[in-house]
mmCIF file of all heavy atoms, coordinates in Angstrom:
data_MODEL
# 
_entry.id   MODEL 
# 
loop_
_atom_site.group_PDB 
_atom_site.id 
_atom_site.type_symbol 
_atom_site.label_atom_id 
_atom_site.label_alt_id 
_atom_site.label_comp_id 
_atom_site.label_asym_id 
_atom_site.label_entity_id 
_atom_site.label_seq_id 
_atom_site.pdbx_PDB_ins_code 
_atom_site.Cartn_x 
_atom_site.Cartn_y 
_atom_site.Cartn_z 
_atom_site.occupancy 
_atom_site.B_iso_or_equiv 
_atom_site.pdbx_formal_charge 
_atom_site.auth_seq_id 
_atom_site.auth_comp_id 
_atom_site.auth_asym_id 
_atom_site.auth_atom_id 
_atom_site.pdbx_PDB_model_num 
ATOM 1   N N   . GLY A 1 1  ? 11.545  3.583  7.171   1.00 0.00 ? 1  GLY A N   1 
ATOM 2   C CA  . GLY A 1 1  ? 12.295  3.579  8.392   1.00 0.00 ? 1  GLY A CA  1 
ATOM 3   C C   . GLY A 1 1  ? 12.858  2.172  8.660   1.00 0.00 ? 1  GLY A C   1 
ATOM 4   O O   . GLY A 1 1  ? 13.426  1.567  7.796   1.00 0.00 ? 1  GLY A O   1 
ATOM 5   N N   . LYS A 1 2  ? 12.758  1.703  9.897   1.00 0.00 ? 2  LYS A N   1 
ATOM 6   C CA  . LYS A 1 2  ? 13.293  0.382  10.164  1.00 0.00 ? 2  LYS A CA  1 
ATOM 7   C C   . LYS A 1 2  ? 12.539  -0.867 9.751   1.00 0.00 ? 2  LYS A C   1 
ATOM 8   O O   . LYS A 1 2  ? 12.907  -1.878 9.757   1.00 0.00 ? 2  LYS A O   1 
ATOM 9   C CB  . LYS A 1 2  ? 13.494  0.267  11.750  1.00 0.00 ? 2  LYS A CB  1 
ATOM 10  C CG  . LYS A 1 2  ? 14.289  1.422  12.316  1.00 0.00 ? 2  LYS A CG  1 
ATOM 11  C CD  . LYS A 1 2  ? 15.669  1.509  11.751  1.00 0.00 ? 2  LYS A CD  1 
ATOM 12  C CE  . LYS A 1 2  ? 16.492  2.570  12.270  1.00 0.00 ? 2  LYS A CE  1 
ATOM 13  N NZ  . LYS A 1 2  ? 17.892  2.799  11.616  1.00 0.00 ? 2  LYS A NZ  1 
ATOM 14  N N   . ALA A 1 3  ? 11.216  -0.524 9.308   1.00 0.00 ? 3  ALA A N   1 
ATOM 15  C CA  . ALA A 1 3  ? 10.293  -1.504 8.740   1.00 0.00 ? 3  ALA A CA  1 
ATOM 16  C C   . ALA A 1 3  ? 10.836  -2.101 7.440   1.00 0.00 ? 3  ALA A C   1 
ATOM 17  O O   . ALA A 1 3  ? 11.118  -1.333 6.526   1.00 0.00 ? 3  ALA A O   1 
ATOM 18  C CB  . ALA A 1 3  ? 8.878   -1.108 8.762   1.00 0.00 ? 3  ALA A CB  1 
ATOM 19  N N   . ASP A 1 4  ? 10.839  -3.397 7.201   1.00 0.00 ? 4  ASP A N   1 
ATOM 20  C CA  . ASP A 1 4  ? 11.294  -3.957 5.948   1.00 0.00 ? 4  ASP A CA  1 
ATOM 21  C C   . ASP A 1 4  ? 10.084  -4.241 5.002   1.00 0.00 ? 4  ASP A C   1 
ATOM 22  O O   . ASP A 1 4  ? 10.292  -4.774 3.933   1.00 0.00 ? 4  ASP A O   1 
ATOM 23  C CB  . ASP A 1 4  ? 12.038  -5.280 6.213   1.00 0.00 ? 4  ASP A CB  1 
ATOM 24  C CG  . ASP A 1 4  ? 11.189  -6.376 6.747   1.00 0.00 ? 4  ASP A CG  1 
ATOM 25  O OD1 . ASP A 1 4  ? 10.046  -6.065 7.095   1.00 0.00 ? 4  ASP A OD1 1 
ATOM 26  O OD2 . ASP A 1 4  ? 11.771  -7.522 6.887   1.00 0.00 ? 4  ASP A OD2 1 
ATOM 27  N N   . ARG A 1 5  ? 8.948   -3.690 5.310   1.00 0.00 ? 5  ARG A N   1 
ATOM 28  C CA  . ARG A 1 5  ? 7.742   -3.909 4.484   1.00 0.00 ? 5  ARG A CA  1 
ATOM 29  C C   . ARG A 1 5  ? 6.730   -2.854 4.863   1.00 0.00 ? 5  ARG A C   1 
ATOM 30  O O   . ARG A 1 5  ? 6.777   -2.280 5.973   1.00 0.00 ? 5  ARG A O   1 
ATOM 31  C CB  . ARG A 1 5  ? 7.197   -5.254 4.622   1.00 0.00 ? 5  ARG A CB  1 
ATOM 32  C CG  . ARG A 1 5  ? 6.673   -5.654 5.954   1.00 0.00 ? 5  ARG A CG  1 
ATOM 33  C CD  . ARG A 1 5  ? 6.374   -7.167 6.082   1.00 0.00 ? 5  ARG A CD  1 
ATOM 34  N NE  . ARG A 1 5  ? 7.572   -7.959 5.677   1.00 0.00 ? 5  ARG A NE  1 
ATOM 35  C CZ  . ARG A 1 5  ? 7.491   -8.840 4.673   1.00 0.00 ? 5  ARG A CZ  1 
ATOM 36  N NH1 . ARG A 1 5  ? 6.388   -8.943 3.967   1.00 0.00 ? 5  ARG A NH1 1 
ATOM 37  N NH2 . ARG A 1 5  ? 8.551   -9.550 4.400   1.00 0.00 ? 5  ARG A NH2 1 
ATOM 38  N N   . ALA A 1 6  ? 5.830   -2.587 3.923   1.00 0.00 ? 6  ALA A N   1 
ATOM 39  C CA  . ALA A 1 6  ? 4.727   -1.637 4.284   1.00 0.00 ? 6  ALA A CA  1 
ATOM 40  C C   . ALA A 1 6  ? 3.528   -2.430 4.740   1.00 0.00 ? 6  ALA A C   1 
ATOM 41  O O   . ALA A 1 6  ? 3.215   -3.582 4.208   1.00 0.00 ? 6  ALA A O   1 
ATOM 42  C CB  . ALA A 1 6  ? 4.246   -0.933 2.923   1.00 0.00 ? 6  ALA A CB  1 
ATOM 43  N N   . ASP A 1 7  ? 3.014   -1.924 5.862   1.00 0.00 ? 7  ASP A N   1 
ATOM 44  C CA  . ASP A 1 7  ? 1.829   -2.671 6.508   1.00 0.00 ? 7  ASP A CA  1 
ATOM 45  C C   . ASP A 1 7  ? 0.670   -2.690 5.500   1.00 0.00 ? 7  ASP A C   1 
ATOM 46  O O   . ASP A 1 7  ? -0.053  -3.651 5.377   1.00 0.00 ? 7  ASP A O   1 
ATOM 47  C CB  . ASP A 1 7  ? 1.381   -1.998 7.710   1.00 0.00 ? 7  ASP A CB  1 
ATOM 48  C CG  . ASP A 1 7  ? 2.453   -2.041 8.816   1.00 0.00 ? 7  ASP A CG  1 
ATOM 49  O OD1 . ASP A 1 7  ? 3.231   -3.039 8.857   1.00 0.00 ? 7  ASP A OD1 1 
ATOM 50  O OD2 . ASP A 1 7  ? 2.559   -1.085 9.532   1.00 0.00 ? 7  ASP A OD2 1 
ATOM 51  N N   . SER A 1 8  ? 0.507   -1.477 4.773   1.00 0.00 ? 8  SER A N   1 
ATOM 52  C CA  . SER A 1 8  ? -0.450  -1.471 3.748   1.00 0.00 ? 8  SER A CA  1 
ATOM 53  C C   . SER A 1 8  ? -0.175  -0.477 2.665   1.00 0.00 ? 8  SER A C   1 
ATOM 54  O O   . SER A 1 8  ? 0.494   0.561  2.999   1.00 0.00 ? 8  SER A O   1 
ATOM 55  C CB  . SER A 1 8  ? -1.920  -1.242 4.344   1.00 0.00 ? 8  SER A CB  1 
ATOM 56  O OG  . SER A 1 8  ? -1.944  0.113  4.882   1.00 0.00 ? 8  SER A OG  1 
ATOM 57  N N   . ILE A 1 9  ? -0.647  -0.567 1.447   1.00 0.00 ? 9  ILE A N   1 
ATOM 58  C CA  . ILE A 1 9  ? -0.669  0.326  0.469   1.00 0.00 ? 9  ILE A CA  1 
ATOM 59  C C   . ILE A 1 9  ? -2.105  0.545  -0.060  1.00 0.00 ? 9  ILE A C   1 
ATOM 60  O O   . ILE A 1 9  ? -2.732  -0.386 -0.455  1.00 0.00 ? 9  ILE A O   1 
ATOM 61  C CB  . ILE A 1 9  ? 0.327   -0.031 -0.655  1.00 0.00 ? 9  ILE A CB  1 
ATOM 62  C CG1 . ILE A 1 9  ? 1.758   -0.087 -0.201  1.00 0.00 ? 9  ILE A CG1 1 
ATOM 63  C CG2 . ILE A 1 9  ? 0.244   1.027  -1.906  1.00 0.00 ? 9  ILE A CG2 1 
ATOM 64  C CD1 . ILE A 1 9  ? 2.667   -0.560 -1.263  1.00 0.00 ? 9  ILE A CD1 1 
ATOM 65  N N   . GLU A 1 10 ? -2.497  1.796  -0.028  1.00 0.00 ? 10 GLU A N   1 
ATOM 66  C CA  . GLU A 1 10 ? -3.855  2.173  -0.488  1.00 0.00 ? 10 GLU A CA  1 
ATOM 67  C C   . GLU A 1 10 ? -3.749  3.081  -1.664  1.00 0.00 ? 10 GLU A C   1 
ATOM 68  O O   . GLU A 1 10 ? -3.026  4.059  -1.573  1.00 0.00 ? 10 GLU A O   1 
ATOM 69  C CB  . GLU A 1 10 ? -4.589  2.787  0.706   1.00 0.00 ? 10 GLU A CB  1 
ATOM 70  C CG  . GLU A 1 10 ? -6.062  3.289  0.148   1.00 0.00 ? 10 GLU A CG  1 
ATOM 71  C CD  . GLU A 1 10 ? -6.824  3.901  1.307   1.00 0.00 ? 10 GLU A CD  1 
ATOM 72  O OE1 . GLU A 1 10 ? -6.906  3.309  2.413   1.00 0.00 ? 10 GLU A OE1 1 
ATOM 73  O OE2 . GLU A 1 10 ? -7.201  5.119  1.175   1.00 0.00 ? 10 GLU A OE2 1 
ATOM 74  N N   . ILE A 1 11 ? -4.508  2.802  -2.728  1.00 0.00 ? 11 ILE A N   1 
ATOM 75  C CA  . ILE A 1 11 ? -4.528  3.638  -3.928  1.00 0.00 ? 11 ILE A CA  1 
ATOM 76  C C   . ILE A 1 11 ? -5.998  4.060  -4.204  1.00 0.00 ? 11 ILE A C   1 
ATOM 77  O O   . ILE A 1 11 ? -6.839  3.192  -4.298  1.00 0.00 ? 11 ILE A O   1 
ATOM 78  C CB  . ILE A 1 11 ? -3.936  2.975  -5.179  1.00 0.00 ? 11 ILE A CB  1 
ATOM 79  C CG1 . ILE A 1 11 ? -2.557  2.467  -4.927  1.00 0.00 ? 11 ILE A CG1 1 
ATOM 80  C CG2 . ILE A 1 11 ? -3.973  3.794  -6.338  1.00 0.00 ? 11 ILE A CG2 1 
ATOM 81  C CD1 . ILE A 1 11 ? -1.900  1.676  -6.049  1.00 0.00 ? 11 ILE A CD1 1 
ATOM 82  N N   . ARG A 1 12 ? -6.116  5.348  -4.198  1.00 0.00 ? 12 ARG A N   1 
ATOM 83  C CA  . ARG A 1 12 ? -7.451  5.882  -4.676  1.00 0.00 ? 12 ARG A CA  1 
ATOM 84  C C   . ARG A 1 12 ? -7.170  6.322  -6.176  1.00 0.00 ? 12 ARG A C   1 
ATOM 85  O O   . ARG A 1 12 ? -6.528  7.317  -6.366  1.00 0.00 ? 12 ARG A O   1 
ATOM 86  C CB  . ARG A 1 12 ? -7.867  7.122  -3.757  1.00 0.00 ? 12 ARG A CB  1 
ATOM 87  C CG  . ARG A 1 12 ? -9.265  7.601  -4.112  1.00 0.00 ? 12 ARG A CG  1 
ATOM 88  C CD  . ARG A 1 12 ? -9.572  8.943  -3.423  1.00 0.00 ? 12 ARG A CD  1 
ATOM 89  N NE  . ARG A 1 12 ? -8.721  9.941  -4.033  1.00 0.00 ? 12 ARG A NE  1 
ATOM 90  C CZ  . ARG A 1 12 ? -8.228  10.958 -3.345  1.00 0.00 ? 12 ARG A CZ  1 
ATOM 91  N NH1 . ARG A 1 12 ? -8.654  11.106 -2.035  1.00 0.00 ? 12 ARG A NH1 1 
ATOM 92  N NH2 . ARG A 1 12 ? -7.540  11.875 -3.993  1.00 0.00 ? 12 ARG A NH2 1 
ATOM 93  N N   . TRP A 1 13 ? -7.858  5.614  -7.009  1.00 0.00 ? 13 TRP A N   1 
ATOM 94  C CA  . TRP A 1 13 ? -7.790  5.812  -8.369  1.00 0.00 ? 13 TRP A CA  1 
ATOM 95  C C   . TRP A 1 13 ? -8.504  7.135  -8.824  1.00 0.00 ? 13 TRP A C   1 
ATOM 96  O O   . TRP A 1 13 ? -9.357  7.623  -8.154  1.00 0.00 ? 13 TRP A O   1 
ATOM 97  C CB  . TRP A 1 13 ? -8.133  4.692  -9.153  1.00 0.00 ? 13 TRP A CB  1 
ATOM 98  C CG  . TRP A 1 13 ? -7.401  3.460  -8.880  1.00 0.00 ? 13 TRP A CG  1 
ATOM 99  C CD1 . TRP A 1 13 ? -7.711  2.525  -8.022  1.00 0.00 ? 13 TRP A CD1 1 
ATOM 100 C CD2 . TRP A 1 13 ? -6.103  3.093  -9.462  1.00 0.00 ? 13 TRP A CD2 1 
ATOM 101 N NE1 . TRP A 1 13 ? -6.698  1.532  -8.037  1.00 0.00 ? 13 TRP A NE1 1 
ATOM 102 C CE2 . TRP A 1 13 ? -5.759  1.861  -8.742  1.00 0.00 ? 13 TRP A CE2 1 
ATOM 103 C CE3 . TRP A 1 13 ? -5.258  3.739  -10.315 1.00 0.00 ? 13 TRP A CE3 1 
ATOM 104 C CZ2 . TRP A 1 13 ? -4.491  1.268  -9.053  1.00 0.00 ? 13 TRP A CZ2 1 
ATOM 105 C CZ3 . TRP A 1 13 ? -4.076  3.083  -10.689 1.00 0.00 ? 13 TRP A CZ3 1 
ATOM 106 C CH2 . TRP A 1 13 ? -3.672  1.870  -10.051 1.00 0.00 ? 13 TRP A CH2 1 
ATOM 107 N N   . PRO A 1 14 ? -8.214  7.708  -10.069 1.00 0.00 ? 14 PRO A N   1 
ATOM 108 C CA  . PRO A 1 14 ? -8.858  8.967  -10.478 1.00 0.00 ? 14 PRO A CA  1 
ATOM 109 C C   . PRO A 1 14 ? -10.419 8.754  -10.567 1.00 0.00 ? 14 PRO A C   1 
ATOM 110 O O   . PRO A 1 14 ? -11.178 9.704  -10.433 1.00 0.00 ? 14 PRO A O   1 
ATOM 111 C CB  . PRO A 1 14 ? -8.251  9.174  -11.896 1.00 0.00 ? 14 PRO A CB  1 
ATOM 112 C CG  . PRO A 1 14 ? -6.880  8.706  -11.731 1.00 0.00 ? 14 PRO A CG  1 
ATOM 113 C CD  . PRO A 1 14 ? -7.031  7.321  -10.979 1.00 0.00 ? 14 PRO A CD  1 
ATOM 114 N N   . ASP A 1 15 ? -10.976 7.499  -10.760 1.00 0.00 ? 15 ASP A N   1 
ATOM 115 C CA  . ASP A 1 15 ? -12.351 7.305  -10.804 1.00 0.00 ? 15 ASP A CA  1 
ATOM 116 C C   . ASP A 1 15 ? -13.022 7.182  -9.390  1.00 0.00 ? 15 ASP A C   1 
ATOM 117 O O   . ASP A 1 15 ? -14.241 6.972  -9.312  1.00 0.00 ? 15 ASP A O   1 
ATOM 118 C CB  . ASP A 1 15 ? -12.715 6.055  -11.690 1.00 0.00 ? 15 ASP A CB  1 
ATOM 119 C CG  . ASP A 1 15 ? -12.214 4.775  -11.127 1.00 0.00 ? 15 ASP A CG  1 
ATOM 120 O OD1 . ASP A 1 15 ? -11.611 4.809  -10.065 1.00 0.00 ? 15 ASP A OD1 1 
ATOM 121 O OD2 . ASP A 1 15 ? -12.149 3.761  -11.878 1.00 0.00 ? 15 ASP A OD2 1 
ATOM 122 N N   . GLY A 1 16 ? -12.198 7.327  -8.340  1.00 0.00 ? 16 GLY A N   1 
ATOM 123 C CA  . GLY A 1 16 ? -12.697 7.190  -7.087  1.00 0.00 ? 16 GLY A CA  1 
ATOM 124 C C   . GLY A 1 16 ? -12.648 5.917  -6.425  1.00 0.00 ? 16 GLY A C   1 
ATOM 125 O O   . GLY A 1 16 ? -12.817 5.751  -5.223  1.00 0.00 ? 16 GLY A O   1 
ATOM 126 N N   . GLN A 1 17 ? -12.376 4.785  -7.097  1.00 0.00 ? 17 GLN A N   1 
ATOM 127 C CA  . GLN A 1 17 ? -12.280 3.408  -6.575  1.00 0.00 ? 17 GLN A CA  1 
ATOM 128 C C   . GLN A 1 17 ? -11.011 3.279  -5.808  1.00 0.00 ? 17 GLN A C   1 
ATOM 129 O O   . GLN A 1 17 ? -9.913  3.986  -6.101  1.00 0.00 ? 17 GLN A O   1 
ATOM 130 C CB  . GLN A 1 17 ? -12.282 2.402  -7.725  1.00 0.00 ? 17 GLN A CB  1 
ATOM 131 C CG  . GLN A 1 17 ? -12.282 0.977  -7.136  1.00 0.00 ? 17 GLN A CG  1 
ATOM 132 C CD  . GLN A 1 17 ? -12.464 0.007  -8.312  1.00 0.00 ? 17 GLN A CD  1 
ATOM 133 O OE1 . GLN A 1 17 ? -13.045 0.309  -9.349  1.00 0.00 ? 17 GLN A OE1 1 
ATOM 134 N NE2 . GLN A 1 17 ? -12.020 -1.150 -8.105  1.00 0.00 ? 17 GLN A NE2 1 
ATOM 135 N N   . VAL A 1 18 ? -11.112 2.591  -4.688  1.00 0.00 ? 18 VAL A N   1 
ATOM 136 C CA  . VAL A 1 18 ? -10.005 2.514  -3.758  1.00 0.00 ? 18 VAL A CA  1 
ATOM 137 C C   . VAL A 1 18 ? -9.614  0.978  -3.660  1.00 0.00 ? 18 VAL A C   1 
ATOM 138 O O   . VAL A 1 18 ? -10.468 0.106  -3.588  1.00 0.00 ? 18 VAL A O   1 
ATOM 139 C CB  . VAL A 1 18 ? -10.347 2.953  -2.311  1.00 0.00 ? 18 VAL A CB  1 
ATOM 140 C CG1 . VAL A 1 18 ? -9.149  2.671  -1.344  1.00 0.00 ? 18 VAL A CG1 1 
ATOM 141 C CG2 . VAL A 1 18 ? -10.656 4.429  -2.421  1.00 0.00 ? 18 VAL A CG2 1 
ATOM 142 N N   . GLU A 1 19 ? -8.299  0.698  -3.818  1.00 0.00 ? 19 GLU A N   1 
ATOM 143 C CA  . GLU A 1 19 ? -7.721  -0.632 -3.664  1.00 0.00 ? 19 GLU A CA  1 
ATOM 144 C C   . GLU A 1 19 ? -6.717  -0.530 -2.545  1.00 0.00 ? 19 GLU A C   1 
ATOM 145 O O   . GLU A 1 19 ? -5.956  0.339  -2.384  1.00 0.00 ? 19 GLU A O   1 
ATOM 146 C CB  . GLU A 1 19 ? -7.193  -1.173 -4.946  1.00 0.00 ? 19 GLU A CB  1 
ATOM 147 C CG  . GLU A 1 19 ? -8.128  -1.383 -6.075  1.00 0.00 ? 19 GLU A CG  1 
ATOM 148 C CD  . GLU A 1 19 ? -7.420  -1.964 -7.301  1.00 0.00 ? 19 GLU A CD  1 
ATOM 149 O OE1 . GLU A 1 19 ? -7.306  -3.258 -7.239  1.00 0.00 ? 19 GLU A OE1 1 
ATOM 150 O OE2 . GLU A 1 19 ? -7.081  -1.285 -8.154  1.00 0.00 ? 19 GLU A OE2 1 
ATOM 151 N N   . ARG A 1 20 ? -6.635  -1.755 -1.878  1.00 0.00 ? 20 ARG A N   1 
ATOM 152 C CA  . ARG A 1 20 ? -5.667  -1.863 -0.664  1.00 0.00 ? 20 ARG A CA  1 
ATOM 153 C C   . ARG A 1 20 ? -4.908  -3.138 -0.813  1.00 0.00 ? 20 ARG A C   1 
ATOM 154 O O   . ARG A 1 20 ? -5.435  -4.217 -1.177  1.00 0.00 ? 20 ARG A O   1 
ATOM 155 C CB  . ARG A 1 20 ? -6.454  -1.791 0.753   1.00 0.00 ? 20 ARG A CB  1 
ATOM 156 C CG  . ARG A 1 20 ? -7.100  -0.456 1.018   1.00 0.00 ? 20 ARG A CG  1 
ATOM 157 C CD  . ARG A 1 20 ? -7.877  -0.523 2.312   1.00 0.00 ? 20 ARG A CD  1 
ATOM 158 N NE  . ARG A 1 20 ? -8.402  0.729  2.587   1.00 0.00 ? 20 ARG A NE  1 
ATOM 159 C CZ  . ARG A 1 20 ? -9.610  1.154  2.205   1.00 0.00 ? 20 ARG A CZ  1 
ATOM 160 N NH1 . ARG A 1 20 ? -10.316 0.277  1.465   1.00 0.00 ? 20 ARG A NH1 1 
ATOM 161 N NH2 . ARG A 1 20 ? -10.125 2.290  2.503   1.00 0.00 ? 20 ARG A NH2 1 
ATOM 162 N N   . PHE A 1 21 ? -3.594  -3.010 -0.551  1.00 0.00 ? 21 PHE A N   1 
ATOM 163 C CA  . PHE A 1 21 ? -2.696  -4.255 -0.580  1.00 0.00 ? 21 PHE A CA  1 
ATOM 164 C C   . PHE A 1 21 ? -2.028  -4.268 0.726   1.00 0.00 ? 21 PHE A C   1 
ATOM 165 O O   . PHE A 1 21 ? -1.374  -3.255 1.286   1.00 0.00 ? 21 PHE A O   1 
ATOM 166 C CB  . PHE A 1 21 ? -1.758  -3.992 -1.807  1.00 0.00 ? 21 PHE A CB  1 
ATOM 167 C CG  . PHE A 1 21 ? -2.424  -3.565 -3.036  1.00 0.00 ? 21 PHE A CG  1 
ATOM 168 C CD1 . PHE A 1 21 ? -2.649  -2.312 -3.423  1.00 0.00 ? 21 PHE A CD1 1 
ATOM 169 C CD2 . PHE A 1 21 ? -2.859  -4.602 -3.863  1.00 0.00 ? 21 PHE A CD2 1 
ATOM 170 C CE1 . PHE A 1 21 ? -3.313  -1.964 -4.570  1.00 0.00 ? 21 PHE A CE1 1 
ATOM 171 C CE2 . PHE A 1 21 ? -3.465  -4.326 -5.103  1.00 0.00 ? 21 PHE A CE2 1 
ATOM 172 C CZ  . PHE A 1 21 ? -3.723  -2.965 -5.403  1.00 0.00 ? 21 PHE A CZ  1 
ATOM 173 N N   . LYS A 1 22 ? -2.033  -5.436 1.377   1.00 0.00 ? 22 LYS A N   1 
ATOM 174 C CA  . LYS A 1 22 ? -1.456  -5.623 2.681   1.00 0.00 ? 22 LYS A CA  1 
ATOM 175 C C   . LYS A 1 22 ? -0.080  -6.393 2.668   1.00 0.00 ? 22 LYS A C   1 
ATOM 176 O O   . LYS A 1 22 ? 0.233   -7.098 1.729   1.00 0.00 ? 22 LYS A O   1 
ATOM 177 C CB  . LYS A 1 22 ? -2.456  -6.520 3.502   1.00 0.00 ? 22 LYS A CB  1 
ATOM 178 C CG  . LYS A 1 22 ? -3.819  -6.019 3.710   1.00 0.00 ? 22 LYS A CG  1 
ATOM 179 C CD  . LYS A 1 22 ? -3.775  -4.729 4.620   1.00 0.00 ? 22 LYS A CD  1 
ATOM 180 C CE  . LYS A 1 22 ? -5.172  -4.303 4.964   1.00 0.00 ? 22 LYS A CE  1 
ATOM 181 N NZ  . LYS A 1 22 ? -5.215  -3.054 5.778   1.00 0.00 ? 22 LYS A NZ  1 
ATOM 182 N N   . ASP A 1 23 ? 0.737   -5.989 3.638   1.00 0.00 ? 23 ASP A N   1 
ATOM 183 C CA  . ASP A 1 23 ? 1.962   -6.606 3.873   1.00 0.00 ? 23 ASP A CA  1 
ATOM 184 C C   . ASP A 1 23 ? 2.854   -6.709 2.599   1.00 0.00 ? 23 ASP A C   1 
ATOM 185 O O   . ASP A 1 23 ? 3.190   -7.806 2.139   1.00 0.00 ? 23 ASP A O   1 
ATOM 186 C CB  . ASP A 1 23 ? 1.775   -8.012 4.481   1.00 0.00 ? 23 ASP A CB  1 
ATOM 187 C CG  . ASP A 1 23 ? 2.927   -8.584 5.152   1.00 0.00 ? 23 ASP A CG  1 
ATOM 188 O OD1 . ASP A 1 23 ? 3.852   -7.875 5.704   1.00 0.00 ? 23 ASP A OD1 1 
ATOM 189 O OD2 . ASP A 1 23 ? 3.125   -9.858 5.121   1.00 0.00 ? 23 ASP A OD2 1 
ATOM 190 N N   . VAL A 1 24 ? 3.222   -5.595 2.062   1.00 0.00 ? 24 VAL A N   1 
ATOM 191 C CA  . VAL A 1 24 ? 4.009   -5.544 0.948   1.00 0.00 ? 24 VAL A CA  1 
ATOM 192 C C   . VAL A 1 24 ? 5.422   -5.409 1.218   1.00 0.00 ? 24 VAL A C   1 
ATOM 193 O O   . VAL A 1 24 ? 5.886   -4.420 1.866   1.00 0.00 ? 24 VAL A O   1 
ATOM 194 C CB  . VAL A 1 24 ? 3.485   -4.297 -0.020  1.00 0.00 ? 24 VAL A CB  1 
ATOM 195 C CG1 . VAL A 1 24 ? 4.274   -4.265 -1.288  1.00 0.00 ? 24 VAL A CG1 1 
ATOM 196 C CG2 . VAL A 1 24 ? 2.015   -4.347 -0.218  1.00 0.00 ? 24 VAL A CG2 1 
ATOM 197 N N   . PRO A 1 25 ? 6.354   -6.300 0.671   1.00 0.00 ? 25 PRO A N   1 
ATOM 198 C CA  . PRO A 1 25 ? 7.797   -6.195 0.952   1.00 0.00 ? 25 PRO A CA  1 
ATOM 199 C C   . PRO A 1 25 ? 8.422   -4.960 0.511   1.00 0.00 ? 25 PRO A C   1 
ATOM 200 O O   . PRO A 1 25 ? 8.017   -4.401 -0.551  1.00 0.00 ? 25 PRO A O   1 
ATOM 201 C CB  . PRO A 1 25 ? 8.325   -7.324 0.285   1.00 0.00 ? 25 PRO A CB  1 
ATOM 202 C CG  . PRO A 1 25 ? 7.257   -8.385 0.138   1.00 0.00 ? 25 PRO A CG  1 
ATOM 203 C CD  . PRO A 1 25 ? 5.958   -7.493 0.023   1.00 0.00 ? 25 PRO A CD  1 
ATOM 204 N N   . GLY A 1 26 ? 9.381   -4.426 1.168   1.00 0.00 ? 26 GLY A N   1 
ATOM 205 C CA  . GLY A 1 26 ? 10.010  -3.109 0.873   1.00 0.00 ? 26 GLY A CA  1 
ATOM 206 C C   . GLY A 1 26 ? 11.227  -3.362 -0.010  1.00 0.00 ? 26 GLY A C   1 
ATOM 207 O O   . GLY A 1 26 ? 11.529  -4.431 -0.511  1.00 0.00 ? 26 GLY A O   1 
ATOM 208 N N   . ASP A 1 27 ? 11.914  -2.217 -0.189  1.00 0.00 ? 27 ASP A N   1 
ATOM 209 C CA  . ASP A 1 27 ? 13.227  -2.200 -0.991  1.00 0.00 ? 27 ASP A CA  1 
ATOM 210 C C   . ASP A 1 27 ? 12.946  -2.637 -2.462  1.00 0.00 ? 27 ASP A C   1 
ATOM 211 O O   . ASP A 1 27 ? 13.739  -3.413 -2.959  1.00 0.00 ? 27 ASP A O   1 
ATOM 212 C CB  . ASP A 1 27 ? 14.337  -2.933 -0.296  1.00 0.00 ? 27 ASP A CB  1 
ATOM 213 C CG  . ASP A 1 27 ? 14.634  -2.468 1.144   1.00 0.00 ? 27 ASP A CG  1 
ATOM 214 O OD1 . ASP A 1 27 ? 14.645  -1.231 1.251   1.00 0.00 ? 27 ASP A OD1 1 
ATOM 215 O OD2 . ASP A 1 27 ? 14.925  -3.242 2.054   1.00 0.00 ? 27 ASP A OD2 1 
# 
């Protein structure tokens, strides 16, 4: 949308582990 970045990106991997990444630039 109008946001030029993601506040957060969360990935749950196939082994169940979760990683989070904050303030990721868009485009």
